[in-house]
C-alpha atoms as a PDB file:
ATOM      1  CA  MET A   1      -7.027  23.850  -8.264  1.00  0.00           C
ATOM      2  CA  PRO A   2      -3.660  24.586  -6.444  1.00  0.00           C
ATOM      3  CA  LEU A   3      -1.964  21.687  -4.655  1.00  0.00           C
ATOM      4  CA  PRO A   4      -3.057  21.825  -0.903  1.00  0.00           C
ATOM      5  CA  GLU A   5      -0.550  22.318   1.740  1.00  0.00           C
ATOM      6  CA  TYR A   6      -0.190  18.818   3.390  1.00  0.00           C
ATOM      7  CA  PHE A   7       1.786  16.907   5.945  1.00  0.00           C
ATOM      8  CA  VAL A   8       2.801  13.171   6.166  1.00  0.00           C
ATOM      9  CA  VAL A   9       2.835  10.706   8.986  1.00  0.00           C
ATOM     10  CA  ILE A  10       5.260   7.882   8.233  1.00  0.00           C
ATOM     11  CA  ALA A  11       4.205   4.844  10.143  1.00  0.00           C
ATOM     12  CA  ALA A  12       7.298   2.818  11.003  1.00  0.00           C
ATOM     13  CA  ALA A  13       6.512   1.390  14.506  1.00  0.00           C
ATOM     14  CA  GLY A  14       6.160  -2.289  13.443  1.00  0.00           C
ATOM     15  CA  LYS A  15       8.014  -5.140  14.798  1.00  0.00           C
ATOM     16  CA  SER A  16       8.963  -6.671  11.440  1.00  0.00           C
ATOM     17  CA  GLU A  17       7.595 -10.171  12.630  1.00  0.00           C
ATOM     18  CA  ARG A  18       7.602 -11.645   9.270  1.00  0.00           C
ATOM     19  CA  PHE A  19      11.001 -10.568   8.538  1.00  0.00           C
ATOM     20  CA  GLY A  20      12.855 -13.272  10.247  1.00  0.00           C
ATOM     21  CA  GLY A  21      13.248 -11.417  13.620  1.00  0.00           C
ATOM     22  CA  LYS A  22      15.311  -8.346  12.167  1.00  0.00           C
ATOM     23  CA  ASN A  23      14.266  -4.698  11.859  1.00  0.00           C
ATOM     24  CA  LYS A  24      13.360  -4.669   8.161  1.00  0.00           C
ATOM     25  CA  LEU A  25      13.570  -0.786   8.165  1.00  0.00           C
ATOM     26  CA  LEU A  26      17.250  -0.845   9.278  1.00  0.00           C
ATOM     27  CA  ALA A  27      18.290  -3.523   6.764  1.00  0.00           C
ATOM     28  CA  ARG A  28      21.055  -2.062   4.522  1.00  0.00           C
ATOM     29  CA  VAL A  29      20.089  -1.552   0.771  1.00  0.00           C
ATOM     30  CA  LEU A  30      22.892  -0.472  -1.624  1.00  0.00           C
ATOM     31  CA  GLY A  31      24.554   0.997   1.370  1.00  0.00           C
ATOM     32  CA  LYS A  32      21.896   2.875   3.336  1.00  0.00           C
ATOM     33  CA  PRO A  33      18.983   1.780   5.695  1.00  0.00           C
ATOM     34  CA  LEU A  34      15.599   0.951   3.911  1.00  0.00           C
ATOM     35  CA  LEU A  35      13.831   3.556   5.863  1.00  0.00           C
ATOM     36  CA  SER A  36      16.027   6.192   4.477  1.00  0.00           C
ATOM     37  CA  CYS A  37      14.583   5.514   0.940  1.00  0.00           C
ATOM     38  CA  THR A  38      11.147   6.066   2.221  1.00  0.00           C
ATOM     39  CA  ILE A  39      12.000   9.148   3.796  1.00  0.00           C
ATOM     40  CA  GLU A  40      13.718  10.545   0.835  1.00  0.00           C
ATOM     41  CA  ARG A  41      10.682   9.786  -1.350  1.00  0.00           C
ATOM     42  CA  VAL A  42       8.673  12.006   1.095  1.00  0.00           C
ATOM     43  CA  ARG A  43      11.274  14.715   1.040  1.00  0.00           C
ATOM     44  CA  LYS A  44      10.924  14.859  -2.562  1.00  0.00           C
ATOM     45  CA  SER A  45       7.297  15.257  -2.697  1.00  0.00           C
ATOM     46  CA  SER A  46       5.585  18.719  -1.960  1.00  0.00           C
ATOM     47  CA  ALA A  47       4.709  17.730   1.432  1.00  0.00           C
ATOM     48  CA  LYS A  48       5.538  20.624   4.023  1.00  0.00           C
ATOM     49  CA  GLY A  49       6.781  18.277   6.548  1.00  0.00           C
ATOM     50  CA  PHE A  50       6.670  14.797   8.094  1.00  0.00           C
ATOM     51  CA  VAL A  51       6.532  13.009  11.386  1.00  0.00           C
ATOM     52  CA  LEU A  52       8.058   9.712  11.863  1.00  0.00           C
ATOM     53  CA  VAL A  53       6.338   7.123  14.012  1.00  0.00           C
ATOM     54  CA  SER A  54       9.168   5.133  15.599  1.00  0.00           C
ATOM     55  CA  ASN A  55       9.493   1.587  17.010  1.00  0.00           C
ATOM     56  CA  SER A  56      10.218   2.077  20.587  1.00  0.00           C
ATOM     57  CA  ASP A  57      13.317  -0.128  20.507  1.00  0.00           C
ATOM     58  CA  PHE A  58      15.054   1.866  17.870  1.00  0.00           C
ATOM     59  CA  GLU A  59      14.102   5.495  18.534  1.00  0.00           C
ATOM     60  CA  ASP A  60      17.688   7.057  18.389  1.00  0.00           C
ATOM     61  CA  GLU A  61      18.538   5.147  15.161  1.00  0.00           C
ATOM     62  CA  TYR A  62      15.167   6.259  13.525  1.00  0.00           C
ATOM     63  CA  LYS A  63      15.601   9.781  14.635  1.00  0.00           C
ATOM     64  CA  SER A  64      19.144   9.994  13.311  1.00  0.00           C
ATOM     65  CA  ILE A  65      17.929   8.625   9.958  1.00  0.00           C
ATOM     66  CA  ALA A  66      14.934  11.041   9.594  1.00  0.00           C
ATOM     67  CA  ALA A  67      17.359  14.094  10.417  1.00  0.00           C
ATOM     68  CA  ARG A  68      19.973  12.905   7.877  1.00  0.00           C
ATOM     69  CA  TYR A  69      17.478  12.085   5.050  1.00  0.00           C
ATOM     70  CA  GLY A  70      14.581  14.192   5.690  1.00  0.00           C
ATOM     71  CA  GLY A  71      16.134  17.649   5.642  1.00  0.00           C
ATOM     72  CA  GLU A  72      14.169  20.594   6.499  1.00  0.00           C
ATOM     73  CA  LYS A  73      10.891  18.563   6.080  1.00  0.00           C
ATOM     74  CA  PHE A  74      11.598  16.499   9.291  1.00  0.00           C
ATOM     75  CA  ILE A  75       9.439  17.661  12.061  1.00  0.00           C
ATOM     76  CA  LYS A  76       9.868  15.081  14.817  1.00  0.00           C
ATOM     77  CA  THR A  77       9.746  11.387  15.826  1.00  0.00           C
ATOM     78  CA  VAL A  78       7.124  10.131  18.253  1.00  0.00           C
ATOM     79  CA  THR A  79       6.849   6.682  19.714  1.00  0.00           C
ATOM     80  CA  GLY A  80       4.539   4.216  18.375  1.00  0.00           C
ATOM     81  CA  GLY A  81       1.586   2.597  20.443  1.00  0.00           C
ATOM     82  CA  ALA A  82       0.745  -0.974  20.992  1.00  0.00           C
ATOM     83  CA  THR A  83      -1.322  -1.148  17.762  1.00  0.00           C
ATOM     84  CA  ARG A  84      -1.121   0.437  14.307  1.00  0.00           C
ATOM     85  CA  ARG A  85      -4.196   2.395  15.144  1.00  0.00           C
ATOM     86  CA  MET A  86      -2.471   3.890  18.487  1.00  0.00           C
ATOM     87  CA  SER A  87       0.713   4.453  16.583  1.00  0.00           C
ATOM     88  CA  VAL A  88      -1.022   6.531  13.789  1.00  0.00           C
ATOM     89  CA  ILE A  89      -3.058   8.491  16.363  1.00  0.00           C
ATOM     90  CA  ASN A  90       0.270   9.350  18.155  1.00  0.00           C
ATOM     91  CA  GLY A  91       1.677  10.651  14.804  1.00  0.00           C
ATOM     92  CA  LEU A  92      -1.516  12.679  13.960  1.00  0.00           C
ATOM     93  CA  GLU A  93      -1.512  14.274  17.250  1.00  0.00           C
ATOM     94  CA  ALA A  94       2.321  15.205  16.973  1.00  0.00           C
ATOM     95  CA  LEU A  95       1.084  17.433  13.844  1.00  0.00           C
ATOM     96  CA  VAL A  96      -1.186  19.476  16.109  1.00  0.00           C
ATOM     97  CA  GLY A  97       0.237  22.961  16.299  1.00  0.00           C
ATOM     98  CA  PHE A  98       2.052  22.451  13.019  1.00  0.00           C
ATOM     99  CA  ALA A  99      -1.338  21.846  10.905  1.00  0.00           C
ATOM    100  CA  SER A 100      -4.755  22.884  11.335  1.00  0.00           C
ATOM    101  CA  GLY A 101      -7.736  20.502  11.711  1.00  0.00           C
ATOM    102  CA  ASP A 102      -8.603  21.204   8.027  1.00  0.00           C
ATOM    103  CA  SER A 103      -5.011  20.550   6.664  1.00  0.00           C
ATOM    104  CA  ILE A 104      -4.442  17.444   4.635  1.00  0.00           C
ATOM    105  CA  VAL A 105      -2.410  14.496   6.147  1.00  0.00           C
ATOM    106  CA  LEU A 106      -1.064  11.539   4.391  1.00  0.00           C
ATOM    107  CA  ILE A 107      -0.434   8.237   6.230  1.00  0.00           C
ATOM    108  CA  HIS A 108       2.238   6.264   4.686  1.00  0.00           C
ATOM    109  CA  ASP A 109       3.757   2.875   5.620  1.00  0.00           C
ATOM    110  CA  GLY A 110       7.768   3.030   6.375  1.00  0.00           C
ATOM    111  CA  ALA A 111       8.059  -0.183   4.604  1.00  0.00           C
ATOM    112  CA  ARG A 112       6.991   1.290   1.233  1.00  0.00           C
ATOM    113  CA  PRO A 113      10.296   2.826   0.119  1.00  0.00           C
ATOM    114  CA  LEU A 114       9.551   3.302  -3.571  1.00  0.00           C
ATOM    115  CA  CYS A 115       6.352   5.312  -3.606  1.00  0.00           C
ATOM    116  CA  PRO A 116       6.883   8.030  -6.444  1.00  0.00           C
ATOM    117  CA  PRO A 117       7.070  11.545  -5.020  1.00  0.00           C
ATOM    118  CA  GLU A 118       4.398  12.757  -7.227  1.00  0.00           C
ATOM    119  CA  LEU A 119       1.861  10.130  -5.984  1.00  0.00           C
ATOM    120  CA  PHE A 120       2.034  11.884  -2.607  1.00  0.00           C
ATOM    121  CA  ASP A 121       0.985  15.159  -4.289  1.00  0.00           C
ATOM    122  CA  LEU A 122      -1.929  13.438  -6.406  1.00  0.00           C
ATOM    123  CA  CYS A 123      -3.290  11.681  -3.152  1.00  0.00           C
ATOM    124  CA  ALA A 124      -3.187  14.998  -1.284  1.00  0.00           C
ATOM    125  CA  GLU A 125      -5.063  16.797  -3.959  1.00  0.00           C
ATOM    126  CA  LYS A 126      -7.820  14.142  -4.345  1.00  0.00           C
ATOM    127  CA  ALA A 127      -8.070  14.093  -0.437  1.00  0.00           C
ATOM    128  CA  GLN A 128      -8.536  17.822  -0.569  1.00  0.00           C
ATOM    129  CA  GLN A 129     -11.333  17.447  -3.046  1.00  0.00           C
ATOM    130  CA  SER A 130     -13.120  14.365  -1.601  1.00  0.00           C
ATOM    131  CA  ASP A 131     -12.250  14.273   2.172  1.00  0.00           C
ATOM    132  CA  SER A 132     -10.443  11.057   1.710  1.00  0.00           C
ATOM    133  CA  ALA A 133      -8.169   9.347  -0.799  1.00  0.00           C
ATOM    134  CA  VAL A 134      -6.510   5.837  -0.973  1.00  0.00           C
ATOM    135  CA  VAL A 135      -3.717   4.708  -3.266  1.00  0.00           C
ATOM    136  CA  ALA A 136      -4.604   1.489  -4.775  1.00  0.00           C
ATOM    137  CA  ILE A 137      -4.035  -0.814  -7.645  1.00  0.00           C
ATOM    138  CA  PRO A 138      -6.573  -3.285  -9.179  1.00  0.00           C
ATOM    139  CA  VAL A 139      -6.344  -6.881  -8.409  1.00  0.00           C
ATOM    140  CA  ALA A 140      -4.818  -8.798 -11.290  1.00  0.00           C
ATOM    141  CA  ASP A 141      -4.721 -12.400 -10.042  1.00  0.00           C
ATOM    142  CA  THR A 142      -7.652 -14.734 -10.013  1.00  0.00           C
ATOM    143  CA  LEU A 143      -8.993 -14.932  -6.592  1.00  0.00           C
ATOM    144  CA  LYS A 144     -10.301 -18.048  -4.797  1.00  0.00           C
ATOM    145  CA  ALA A 145     -12.419 -18.542  -1.741  1.00  0.00           C
ATOM    146  CA  VAL A 146     -10.932 -21.755   0.079  1.00  0.00           C
ATOM    147  CA  ASP A 147     -12.564 -23.771   2.842  1.00  0.00           C
ATOM    148  CA  ASN A 148     -10.652 -26.365   4.744  1.00  0.00           C
ATOM    149  CA  GLY A 149      -7.820 -26.387   2.034  1.00  0.00           C
ATOM    150  CA  LYS A 150     -10.097 -26.702  -0.888  1.00  0.00           C
ATOM    151  CA  ILE A 151     -11.234 -24.226  -3.260  1.00  0.00           C
ATOM    152  CA  VAL A 152     -15.165 -23.540  -3.087  1.00  0.00           C
ATOM    153  CA  SER A 153     -15.567 -20.712  -5.504  1.00  0.00           C
ATOM    154  CA  THR A 154     -13.950 -18.040  -7.637  1.00  0.00           C
ATOM    155  CA  VAL A 155     -14.257 -14.666  -6.449  1.00  0.00           C
ATOM    156  CA  GLU A 156     -15.340 -11.856  -8.975  1.00  0.00           C
ATOM    157  CA  ARG A 157     -12.371  -9.458  -9.077  1.00  0.00           C
ATOM    158  CA  SER A 158     -13.612  -6.607 -11.474  1.00  0.00           C
ATOM    159  CA  ASN A 159     -14.348  -4.337  -8.488  1.00  0.00           C
ATOM    160  CA  LEU A 160     -11.546  -5.410  -6.200  1.00  0.00           C
ATOM    161  CA  TRP A 161      -8.492  -3.161  -5.569  1.00  0.00           C
ATOM    162  CA  ARG A 162      -5.444  -3.747  -3.499  1.00  0.00           C
ATOM    163  CA  ALA A 163      -5.130  -0.860  -0.923  1.00  0.00           C
ATOM    164  CA  GLN A 164      -1.565   0.712  -0.771  1.00  0.00           C
ATOM    165  CA  THR A 165      -0.365   3.940   1.186  1.00  0.00           C
ATOM    166  CA  PRO A 166      -0.338   7.002   1.156  1.00  0.00           C
ATOM    167  CA  GLN A 167      -3.822   7.469   2.304  1.00  0.00           C
ATOM    168  CA  GLY A 168      -5.037  10.993   2.645  1.00  0.00           C
ATOM    169  CA  PHE A 169      -7.369  12.613   5.012  1.00  0.00           C
ATOM    170  CA  LYS A 170      -8.330  15.786   6.612  1.00  0.00           C
ATOM    171  CA  LEU A 171      -6.533  15.887  10.021  1.00  0.00           C
ATOM    172  CA  ASP A 172      -9.408  16.400  12.228  1.00  0.00           C
ATOM    173  CA  VAL A 173     -11.440  13.758  10.420  1.00  0.00           C
ATOM    174  CA  ILE A 174      -8.943  10.993  10.444  1.00  0.00           C
ATOM    175  CA  LEU A 175      -8.217  11.663  14.276  1.00  0.00           C
ATOM    176  CA  LYS A 176     -11.769  11.456  15.042  1.00  0.00           C
ATOM    177  CA  ALA A 177     -12.311   8.203  12.986  1.00  0.00           C
ATOM    178  CA  LEU A 178      -9.323   6.436  14.567  1.00  0.00           C
ATOM    179  CA  LYS A 179     -10.076   7.284  18.003  1.00  0.00           C
ATOM    180  CA  GLN A 180     -13.344   5.593  17.710  1.00  0.00           C
ATOM    181  CA  ALA A 181     -12.304   2.577  15.734  1.00  0.00           C
ATOM    182  CA  PRO A 182     -11.345  -0.778  16.939  1.00  0.00           C
ATOM    183  CA  ASP A 183      -7.948  -1.811  17.174  1.00  0.00           C
ATOM    184  CA  SER A 184      -8.635  -4.635  14.817  1.00  0.00           C
ATOM    185  CA  ILE A 185      -8.466  -2.501  11.792  1.00  0.00           C
ATOM    186  CA  THR A 186      -5.769  -3.177   9.264  1.00  0.00           C
ATOM    187  CA  ASP A 187      -6.046  -0.092   7.145  1.00  0.00           C
ATOM    188  CA  ASP A 188      -6.483   3.552   8.169  1.00  0.00           C
ATOM    189  CA  SER A 189      -9.272   4.084   5.589  1.00  0.00           C
ATOM    190  CA  GLN A 190     -11.328   1.628   7.329  1.00  0.00           C
ATOM    191  CA  ALA A 191     -11.830   3.972  10.168  1.00  0.00           C
ATOM    192  CA  VAL A 192     -13.467   6.792   7.883  1.00  0.00           C
ATOM    193  CA  GLU A 193     -15.428   4.212   5.909  1.00  0.00           C
ATOM    194  CA  ALA A 194     -17.118   3.322   9.314  1.00  0.00           C
ATOM    195  CA  MET A 195     -18.097   7.057   9.523  1.00  0.00           C
ATOM    196  CA  GLY A 196     -19.880   6.656   6.152  1.00  0.00           C
ATOM    197  CA  ILE A 197     -16.956   8.383   4.136  1.00  0.00           C
ATOM    198  CA  LYS A 198     -16.223   6.782   0.904  1.00  0.00           C
ATOM    199  CA  PRO A 199     -12.536   7.409   0.036  1.00  0.00           C
ATOM    200  CA  VAL A 200     -11.658   8.154  -3.629  1.00  0.00           C
ATOM    201  CA  ILE A 201      -9.332   5.734  -5.352  1.00  0.00           C
ATOM    202  CA  VAL A 202      -5.988   7.100  -6.497  1.00  0.00           C
ATOM    203  CA  ARG A 203      -4.358   4.711  -9.088  1.00  0.00           C
ATOM    204  CA  GLY A 204      -1.099   3.518  -7.539  1.00  0.00           C
ATOM    205  CA  THR A 205       1.622   1.479  -9.138  1.00  0.00           C
ATOM    206  CA  ALA A 206       3.409  -2.067  -8.565  1.00  0.00           C
ATOM    207  CA  GLN A 207       6.644  -0.064  -7.841  1.00  0.00           C
ATOM    208  CA  ASN A 208       5.065   1.016  -4.495  1.00  0.00           C
ATOM    209  CA  MET A 209       5.601  -2.372  -3.066  1.00  0.00           C
ATOM    210  CA  LYS A 210       5.662  -3.126   0.730  1.00  0.00           C
ATOM    211  CA  ILE A 211       8.566  -4.828   2.213  1.00  0.00           C
ATOM    212  CA  THR A 212       7.315  -7.776   4.320  1.00  0.00           C
ATOM    213  CA  TYR A 213       9.544 -10.914   3.836  1.00  0.00           C
ATOM    214  CA  PRO A 214      13.371 -11.174   3.487  1.00  0.00           C
ATOM    215  CA  GLU A 215      13.095 -11.959  -0.133  1.00  0.00           C
ATOM    216  CA  ASP A 216      11.323  -8.732  -0.835  1.00  0.00           C
ATOM    217  CA  ILE A 217      14.773  -6.887  -0.355  1.00  0.00           C
ATOM    218  CA  LYS A 218      16.086  -8.646  -3.498  1.00  0.00           C
ATOM    219  CA  ILE A 219      13.275  -7.317  -5.586  1.00  0.00           C
ATOM    220  CA  PHE A 220      13.526  -3.870  -3.976  1.00  0.00           C
ATOM    221  CA  GLU A 221      17.241  -3.690  -4.766  1.00  0.00           C
ATOM    222  CA  ALA A 222      16.637  -4.556  -8.360  1.00  0.00           C
ATOM    223  CA  LEU A 223      13.804  -1.999  -8.615  1.00  0.00           C
ATOM    224  CA  LEU A 224      16.078   0.473  -6.934  1.00  0.00           C
ATOM    225  CA  ARG A 225      18.940  -0.082  -9.577  1.00  0.00           C
ATOM    226  CA  LEU A 226      16.497   0.125 -12.487  1.00  0.00           C
ATOM    227  CA  LEU A 227      15.084   3.522 -11.143  1.00  0.00           C
ATOM    228  CA  ALA A 228      18.459   4.950 -10.408  1.00  0.00           C
END
């Protein structure tokens, strides 16, 4: 089956609250902003184009980075909303006119700058086949249920996976799902799960880390040098 035409929405409207008060996507990594690394990964994939959902306080900077590093695949920037759900809806609606309702769209965290380009392609392929696909990795650590600071049980981990991004959907399906989902969702696939859709797992990689805390930058820089 040929690779489907697909688009990417990069969700980059967060406030970096766990990053010490600084915008993590503008942090300099080996001489360039972290966000540029994410955009370069998308550009190297087979995606037809991407929309960048921007933090309202840094729209000019984000647009400049997207134009410089996204090349011909950069479609536009849009302003994020009050929640991730609303931000992603804004990004998806920006694709209307560029993509059809049956087009595959991948939603990807701006703070995951090392996703292999081929993983975008694989996620799009699986989403085309199964209506929804989520990149994830199996849980490796032993999990403990805790109550009042004390361990009460060990959680069976054999069927547990850690969700990453990208996550792939048909455009009209994910738009409908997110518009009827609560703001409390922390993961876009939760919205389609509530509609009875069971996303297919696409095996991810530990390389596809999410930058959350300041110390993550050192790990990212080390990985970036290894992969250079």
